[in-house]
Amino acid sequence: MTSKKPFPPEDAAIHLSADEALVLFDVLSRWCEDGEASTPGSDCFESTAECAVLHGLLADLERQLVTPMRSDYREYLHAARLRLAPTWDYPTLRG
C-alpha cells in the first residue's frame, strides 16, 4: 500500500505597486461589496475557496491602504488606471 503525502503548504508573498494595489482594491470592492456592480458569474469559479481568497485579498488591502479613505480617492484611482492601462496590450482579459 502506498501512501500519498500532501504537498507541504507554502506561503506566497505578492508585491503590488501602489497603482496595482489601488486598482485591485477597487475591483475587489465592487465585486465583494457593491450589490449593484457587475461581478463574474458563478461559471467563472470552480470553488467557493476562490471567492474566499478574493475576499481575503480585499481584507488585506483594506488593512494596508489609506487612499480609499481619502475624499479624492476617485482621482487617485483614475490616475492609477491611466498609468496601468498601457501595460495591457490585448483586447480581452485572455489576451
Protein backbone atom coordinates (compact mmCIF):
# COMPACT_ATOMS: atom_id res chain seq x y z
CA MET A 1 0.00 0.00 0.00
CA THR A 2 1.44 3.34 -0.99
CA SER A 3 0.73 6.45 0.98
CA LYS A 4 0.50 9.72 -0.86
CA LYS A 5 1.53 12.61 1.30
CA PRO A 6 0.07 16.01 0.53
CA PHE A 7 2.35 18.71 -0.71
CA PRO A 8 3.72 20.81 2.13
CA PRO A 9 1.93 24.16 2.48
CA GLU A 10 3.80 27.12 1.08
CA ASP A 11 3.15 30.76 1.76
CA ALA A 12 3.49 33.24 -1.07
CA ALA A 13 4.24 36.93 -0.83
CA ILE A 14 2.98 39.17 -3.61
CA HIS A 15 4.28 42.67 -4.15
CA LEU A 16 1.98 45.20 -5.77
CA SER A 17 2.84 48.72 -6.79
CA ALA A 18 0.68 51.44 -5.26
CA ASP A 19 -1.24 51.70 -8.56
CA GLU A 20 -1.79 47.95 -8.77
CA ALA A 21 -2.95 47.75 -5.17
CA LEU A 22 -5.43 50.58 -5.67
CA VAL A 23 -6.90 49.13 -8.87
CA LEU A 24 -7.12 45.65 -7.35
CA PHE A 25 -8.75 47.08 -4.23
CA ASP A 26 -11.35 48.85 -6.32
CA VAL A 27 -12.31 45.86 -8.46
CA LEU A 28 -12.48 43.52 -5.46
CA SER A 29 -14.53 46.08 -3.53
CA ARG A 30 -17.04 46.28 -6.37
CA TRP A 31 -17.25 42.51 -6.72
CA CYS A 32 -17.48 41.80 -3.00
CA GLU A 33 -19.36 44.74 -1.53
CA ASP A 34 -21.33 46.65 -4.17
CA GLY A 35 -24.63 44.86 -4.66
CA GLU A 36 -25.28 46.85 -7.86
CA ALA A 37 -21.93 46.13 -9.53
CA SER A 38 -21.44 43.57 -12.25
CA THR A 39 -19.48 40.59 -10.97
CA PRO A 40 -18.00 37.48 -12.55
CA GLY A 41 -20.64 34.78 -12.93
CA SER A 42 -20.61 31.55 -10.99
CA ASP A 43 -19.27 29.83 -14.11
CA CYS A 44 -16.06 31.82 -13.58
CA PHE A 45 -15.30 29.99 -10.32
CA GLU A 46 -14.60 26.33 -9.71
CA SER A 47 -14.80 26.50 -5.92
CA THR A 48 -16.07 28.79 -3.18
CA ALA A 49 -12.46 28.70 -1.95
CA GLU A 50 -11.61 31.06 -4.81
CA CYS A 51 -14.17 33.56 -3.54
CA ALA A 52 -12.76 33.22 -0.03
CA VAL A 53 -9.28 34.02 -1.35
CA LEU A 54 -10.54 37.13 -3.15
CA HIS A 55 -12.32 38.31 0.00
CA GLY A 56 -9.10 37.69 1.94
CA LEU A 57 -7.11 39.78 -0.53
CA LEU A 58 -9.63 42.58 -0.19
CA ALA A 59 -9.39 42.43 3.60
CA ASP A 60 -5.59 42.59 3.41
CA LEU A 61 -5.77 45.61 1.11
CA GLU A 62 -8.31 47.31 3.38
CA ARG A 63 -5.89 46.98 6.30
CA GLN A 64 -2.99 48.43 4.33
CA LEU A 65 -4.36 51.16 2.08
CA VAL A 66 -5.30 54.65 3.23
CA THR A 67 -6.03 56.17 -0.19
CA PRO A 68 -9.54 54.64 -0.42
CA MET A 69 -10.50 56.68 2.64
CA ARG A 70 -9.45 59.96 1.07
CA SER A 71 -12.05 62.34 -0.31
CA ASP A 72 -10.11 62.43 -3.61
CA TYR A 73 -9.92 58.63 -3.89
CA ARG A 74 -11.60 58.56 -7.32
CA GLU A 75 -8.94 60.92 -8.70
CA TYR A 76 -6.14 58.68 -7.42
CA LEU A 77 -7.90 55.62 -8.84
CA HIS A 78 -8.40 57.26 -12.23
CA ALA A 79 -4.72 58.24 -12.40
CA ALA A 80 -3.62 54.73 -11.39
CA ARG A 81 -5.80 53.19 -14.11
CA LEU A 82 -4.34 55.57 -16.70
CA ARG A 83 -0.80 54.62 -15.71
CA LEU A 84 -1.53 50.87 -15.78
CA ALA A 85 -3.70 50.71 -18.91
CA PRO A 86 -0.74 50.76 -21.35
CA THR A 87 0.72 47.66 -19.68
CA TRP A 88 -2.08 45.51 -21.17
CA ASP A 89 -1.95 45.32 -24.98
CA TYR A 90 -4.75 42.83 -25.53
CA PRO A 91 -8.42 43.37 -26.40
CA THR A 92 -9.72 40.98 -23.72
CA LEU A 93 -8.74 39.52 -20.37
CA ARG A 94 -7.46 36.39 -22.07
CA GLY A 95 -5.28 38.30 -24.46
